Amino acid sequence: MKLLFIGDIFGHAGRRIVADHLADIKASQGIDVAIANVENSAAGFGVTPGVADELFRYGIDVMTSGNHIWDKKDIYSYFDREPRLLRPANYPPGVPGAGIYIHTTAAGAQCAVINLQGRVYMPQTDCPFRKADEILAALPAEVKVRFIDFHAEVTSEKMSMGWYVDGRVSALVGTHTHIPTADTRILPGGTGYQTDCGMTGPYDSVIGVEKAPVLKRFLDSMPTRMEPATGSVELHSVIVEVDDATGKALAIRRHTVRGD
């Protein structure tokens, strides 16, 4: 089974490059499951029902998110009718949505997609390590292919989670910092790993937003309105090939598309 994971889709520019290239990536790379982090897909902050529907139409099978999932209030009720949109599983009980979805491919194979969020320099949530244990213990044994989007700030927490779940999931790829890392590899237990996938959106920017307001804020420490940047756009993703009989990763690599 081949999994495609697209890093944080940022604003209209990120959605546009997905619309332009996703079908070709899926066809040319033989993708069975397309997953994307969408927490910045609505003008850089959150996701709306309309934007989520748009991205599903482009061919994304399962969507993950992170701390910005709560930015648009109209998404709360959307979780009830669309279980393929995830929020981090380690938010406290009772909040809208769920953090795991088991996707069935056109060929009838199953893939569990799990969304977790880190705690270092992030909003307070339940322990993601213990939540990972809980989710993995509850998964049906026949669901061998298991993917985690770990949405976290610091590299040490992401790497620690990679080692923690090594051999228990097919792949773990980090999101949130919008900067792709060059540590793509398969860990000793058979888990594909990359600390951060990077983002899909305007790279002539400061992690997706216009440069000038951010530079001003660093210089004078005053609040400023941040807007999604325009200019050169890139799609950053990771492709993982998994032995669906064992759930072990056979190969993992970065896949980048540069748009206009």
Protein backbone atom coordinates (compact mmCIF):
# COMPACT_ATOMS: atom_id res chain seq x y z
CA MET A 1 0.00 0.00 0.00
CA LYS A 2 1.28 3.47 -0.87
CA LEU A 3 0.40 6.40 1.38
CA LEU A 4 0.71 10.06 0.40
CA PHE A 5 0.86 12.59 3.23
CA ILE A 6 0.64 16.29 2.31
CA GLY A 7 2.04 18.80 4.81
CA ASP A 8 -0.03 21.67 6.23
CA ILE A 9 -2.13 23.09 3.38
CA PHE A 10 -1.90 26.87 3.80
CA GLY A 11 -4.65 29.12 2.48
CA HIS A 12 -5.92 29.52 -1.06
CA ALA A 13 -2.47 29.09 -2.61
CA GLY A 14 -2.03 25.73 -0.88
CA ARG A 15 -5.47 24.57 -1.96
CA ARG A 16 -4.79 25.65 -5.53
CA ILE A 17 -1.60 23.63 -5.90
CA VAL A 18 -3.37 20.59 -4.43
CA ALA A 19 -6.16 21.05 -6.97
CA ASP A 20 -3.61 21.34 -9.78
CA HIS A 21 -1.38 18.40 -8.90
CA LEU A 22 -3.02 15.88 -6.55
CA ALA A 23 -4.67 13.77 -9.25
CA ASP A 24 -1.40 13.52 -11.16
CA ILE A 25 0.58 12.58 -8.03
CA LYS A 26 -1.91 9.86 -7.16
CA ALA A 27 -1.86 8.42 -10.66
CA SER A 28 1.88 8.66 -11.35
CA GLN A 29 2.97 7.43 -7.91
CA GLY A 30 0.33 4.70 -7.51
CA ILE A 31 -1.11 6.21 -4.32
CA ASP A 32 -3.71 4.15 -2.45
CA VAL A 33 -4.46 6.59 0.39
CA ALA A 34 -4.07 10.39 0.27
CA ILE A 35 -3.85 12.14 3.65
CA ALA A 36 -3.35 15.86 4.28
CA ASN A 37 -3.06 18.21 7.24
CA VAL A 38 -5.63 20.99 6.67
CA GLU A 39 -5.53 23.08 9.84
CA ASN A 40 -4.30 26.18 7.95
CA SER A 41 -6.30 25.69 4.78
CA ALA A 42 -8.83 28.51 5.36
CA ALA A 43 -6.82 31.72 4.89
CA GLY A 44 -4.04 30.28 7.06
CA PHE A 45 -6.11 29.75 10.19
CA GLY A 46 -8.39 26.75 10.64
CA VAL A 47 -10.65 25.05 8.13
CA THR A 48 -14.29 25.69 7.22
CA PRO A 49 -16.87 23.12 6.08
CA GLY A 50 -16.74 24.56 2.57
CA VAL A 51 -12.95 24.33 2.40
CA ALA A 52 -12.99 20.77 3.76
CA ASP A 53 -15.57 19.75 1.15
CA GLU A 54 -13.44 21.38 -1.55
CA LEU A 55 -10.34 19.43 -0.50
CA PHE A 56 -12.24 16.14 -0.37
CA ARG A 57 -13.40 16.81 -3.95
CA TYR A 58 -9.78 17.14 -5.04
CA GLY A 59 -9.15 13.57 -3.92
CA ILE A 60 -7.91 13.71 -0.33
CA ASP A 61 -9.16 10.65 1.55
CA VAL A 62 -8.48 11.64 5.18
CA MET A 63 -7.66 15.02 6.72
CA THR A 64 -5.67 15.69 9.88
CA SER A 65 -5.25 18.92 11.80
CA GLY A 66 -3.80 20.47 14.96
CA ASN A 67 -4.22 23.37 17.36
CA HIS A 68 -5.75 25.66 14.69
CA ILE A 69 -8.65 23.26 14.10
CA TRP A 70 -10.76 25.30 16.53
CA ASP A 71 -10.23 28.67 14.79
CA LYS A 72 -13.40 28.47 12.70
CA LYS A 73 -16.41 27.76 14.89
CA ASP A 74 -18.58 26.44 12.06
CA ILE A 75 -16.30 23.42 11.76
CA TYR A 76 -17.44 22.06 15.13
CA SER A 77 -20.71 20.59 13.86
CA TYR A 78 -19.01 19.37 10.66
CA PHE A 79 -17.26 16.63 12.62
CA ASP A 80 -20.61 14.94 13.23
CA ARG A 81 -21.25 14.41 9.52
CA GLU A 82 -17.69 13.94 8.25
CA PRO A 83 -15.56 11.50 10.28
CA ARG A 84 -12.72 11.71 7.73
CA LEU A 85 -11.75 15.11 9.18
CA LEU A 86 -9.72 14.53 12.35
CA ARG A 87 -8.68 16.68 15.27
CA PRO A 88 -5.85 15.58 17.59
CA ALA A 89 -6.97 12.55 19.58
CA ASN A 90 -5.43 13.73 22.84
CA TYR A 91 -7.77 16.66 23.42
CA PRO A 92 -9.86 16.01 26.56
CA PRO A 93 -13.01 13.90 26.31
CA GLY A 94 -16.15 15.70 25.21
CA VAL A 95 -14.70 18.02 22.55
CA PRO A 96 -16.08 17.72 19.01
CA GLY A 97 -14.64 15.21 16.59
CA ALA A 98 -12.32 12.23 16.80
CA GLY A 99 -8.61 11.61 16.37
CA ILE A 100 -8.65 8.36 14.41
CA TYR A 101 -10.28 7.14 11.23
CA ILE A 102 -9.95 3.75 9.55
CA HIS A 103 -10.02 4.27 5.80
CA THR A 104 -10.91 1.50 3.38
CA THR A 105 -9.26 1.72 -0.04
CA ALA A 106 -10.94 0.98 -3.36
CA ALA A 107 -9.28 -2.45 -3.22
CA GLY A 108 -10.75 -3.16 0.24
CA ALA A 109 -7.54 -2.71 2.26
CA GLN A 110 -7.66 -0.77 5.52
CA CYS A 111 -5.46 2.03 6.83
CA ALA A 112 -5.79 3.65 10.26
CA VAL A 113 -5.00 7.37 10.30
CA ILE A 114 -4.22 8.79 13.74
CA ASN A 115 -3.84 12.47 14.69
CA LEU A 116 -1.92 13.46 17.84
CA GLN A 117 -0.68 16.80 19.18
CA GLY A 118 2.43 17.61 21.19
CA ARG A 119 2.47 19.50 24.48
CA VAL A 120 5.76 21.42 24.47
CA TYR A 121 5.03 25.11 23.63
CA MET A 122 1.53 24.04 22.58
CA PRO A 123 -1.99 24.28 24.10
CA GLN A 124 -2.52 22.00 27.07
CA THR A 125 -3.80 18.58 26.08
CA ASP A 126 -3.72 15.06 27.46
CA CYS A 127 -0.50 13.06 27.13
CA PRO A 128 0.01 12.10 23.45
CA PHE A 129 2.25 9.15 24.37
CA ARG A 130 -0.36 7.52 26.60
CA LYS A 131 -3.07 8.34 24.05
CA ALA A 132 -1.01 6.59 21.37
CA ASP A 133 -0.81 3.51 23.59
CA GLU A 134 -4.57 3.58 24.13
CA ILE A 135 -5.42 3.95 20.43
CA LEU A 136 -2.97 1.31 19.22
CA ALA A 137 -4.13 -1.20 21.83
CA ALA A 138 -7.73 -0.75 20.71
CA LEU A 139 -7.13 -1.09 16.97
CA PRO A 140 -8.32 -4.34 15.36
CA ALA A 141 -5.37 -6.66 14.80
CA GLU A 142 -6.23 -6.98 11.12
CA VAL A 143 -5.63 -3.25 10.56
CA LYS A 144 -1.89 -3.48 9.92
CA VAL A 145 -1.32 -0.19 8.09
CA ARG A 146 -1.21 2.66 10.61
CA PHE A 147 -0.20 6.27 10.01
CA ILE A 148 0.31 9.04 12.60
CA ASP A 149 0.39 12.79 11.98
CA PHE A 150 2.11 14.16 15.09
CA HIS A 151 1.41 17.89 15.23
CA ALA A 152 4.07 19.33 17.52
CA GLU A 153 6.44 22.25 17.91
CA VAL A 154 9.79 20.85 19.01
CA THR A 155 11.90 18.31 17.16
CA SER A 156 12.80 16.42 20.35
CA GLU A 157 9.16 15.67 21.16
CA LYS A 158 8.49 14.51 17.60
CA MET A 159 11.56 12.32 17.53
CA SER A 160 10.72 10.87 20.94
CA MET A 161 7.27 9.92 19.68
CA GLY A 162 8.81 8.32 16.60
CA TRP A 163 10.98 6.09 18.78
CA TYR A 164 8.05 5.42 21.13
CA VAL A 165 5.79 4.01 18.42
CA ASP A 166 8.55 2.40 16.32
CA GLY A 167 7.41 -1.05 15.27
CA ARG A 168 3.79 -0.32 16.18
CA VAL A 169 2.85 1.99 13.30
CA SER A 170 3.74 2.04 9.62
CA ALA A 171 4.80 5.68 9.62
CA LEU A 172 4.87 8.83 11.74
CA VAL A 173 5.33 12.21 10.09
CA GLY A 174 5.37 15.50 11.98
CA THR A 175 3.58 18.74 11.15
CA HIS A 176 3.12 22.27 12.58
CA THR A 177 6.43 24.06 11.99
CA HIS A 178 5.94 24.31 8.19
CA ILE A 179 9.64 23.63 7.53
CA PRO A 180 10.50 20.27 5.90
CA THR A 181 13.22 18.28 7.62
CA ALA A 182 15.83 16.11 5.92
CA ASP A 183 15.72 13.13 8.31
CA THR A 184 13.44 10.88 6.26
CA ARG A 185 14.18 7.26 7.21
CA ILE A 186 12.84 3.93 8.38
CA LEU A 187 13.42 3.32 12.08
CA PRO A 188 14.77 -0.08 13.23
CA GLY A 189 11.32 -1.46 14.10
CA GLY A 190 9.94 -0.72 10.63
CA THR A 191 8.30 2.68 11.13
CA GLY A 192 8.79 5.30 8.42
CA TYR A 193 9.69 8.64 9.98
CA GLN A 194 10.19 12.33 9.17
CA THR A 195 10.26 15.04 11.85
CA ASP A 196 8.30 17.57 9.77
CA CYS A 197 6.67 17.28 6.36
CA GLY A 198 6.78 21.00 5.65
CA MET A 199 3.83 22.99 4.34
CA THR A 200 1.91 23.22 1.09
CA GLY A 201 1.49 26.85 0.19
CA PRO A 202 3.44 30.09 -0.39
CA TYR A 203 7.14 29.56 0.39
CA ASP A 204 8.12 33.17 -0.43
CA SER A 205 6.96 33.99 3.09
CA VAL A 206 7.55 33.43 6.78
CA ILE A 207 5.95 30.00 7.29
CA GLY A 208 3.09 31.00 4.98
CA VAL A 209 2.38 34.63 5.88
CA GLU A 210 3.58 37.91 4.37
CA LYS A 211 7.12 38.74 5.45
CA ALA A 212 6.86 42.46 6.25
CA PRO A 213 4.38 42.27 9.17
CA VAL A 214 6.34 39.41 10.74
CA LEU A 215 9.64 41.28 10.46
CA LYS A 216 8.01 44.37 11.97
CA ARG A 217 6.71 42.32 14.88
CA PHE A 218 10.19 40.93 15.57
CA LEU A 219 11.60 44.46 15.51
CA ASP A 220 9.05 46.31 17.63
CA SER A 221 7.16 43.50 19.50
CA MET A 222 3.82 45.14 18.64
CA PRO A 223 0.75 43.16 17.58
CA THR A 224 0.24 42.98 13.83
CA ARG A 225 -2.25 41.41 11.47
CA MET A 226 -0.84 38.47 9.55
CA GLU A 227 -2.08 37.66 6.05
CA PRO A 228 -1.35 34.65 3.83
CA ALA A 229 1.52 35.40 1.46
CA THR A 230 1.35 35.43 -2.31
CA GLY A 231 4.08 34.35 -4.69
CA SER A 232 5.88 31.07 -5.29
CA VAL A 233 3.97 28.00 -4.12
CA GLU A 234 5.24 24.53 -3.23
CA LEU A 235 3.56 21.26 -2.30
CA HIS A 236 5.52 19.28 0.26
CA SER A 237 4.60 15.68 0.95
CA VAL A 238 5.90 12.30 2.01
CA ILE A 239 5.22 9.02 0.22
CA VAL A 240 5.37 5.82 2.28
CA GLU A 241 5.27 2.32 0.82
CA VAL A 242 3.97 -0.21 3.35
CA ASP A 243 3.88 -3.99 3.42
CA ASP A 244 0.19 -4.38 4.15
CA ALA A 245 0.70 -7.92 5.45
CA THR A 246 3.00 -6.75 8.26
CA GLY A 247 2.35 -3.00 8.49
CA LYS A 248 6.08 -2.30 8.19
CA ALA A 249 7.38 0.51 6.01
CA LEU A 250 9.28 -0.66 2.95
CA ALA A 251 10.27 2.81 1.71
CA ILE A 252 9.74 6.47 2.58
CA ARG A 253 10.71 9.56 0.63
CA ARG A 254 9.93 13.24 0.30
CA HIS A 255 7.94 14.39 -2.74
CA THR A 256 7.92 18.09 -3.65
CA VAL A 257 6.03 19.91 -6.40
CA ARG A 258 6.87 23.52 -7.24
CA GLY A 259 4.08 25.60 -8.69
CA ASP A 260 3.83 29.16 -9.95
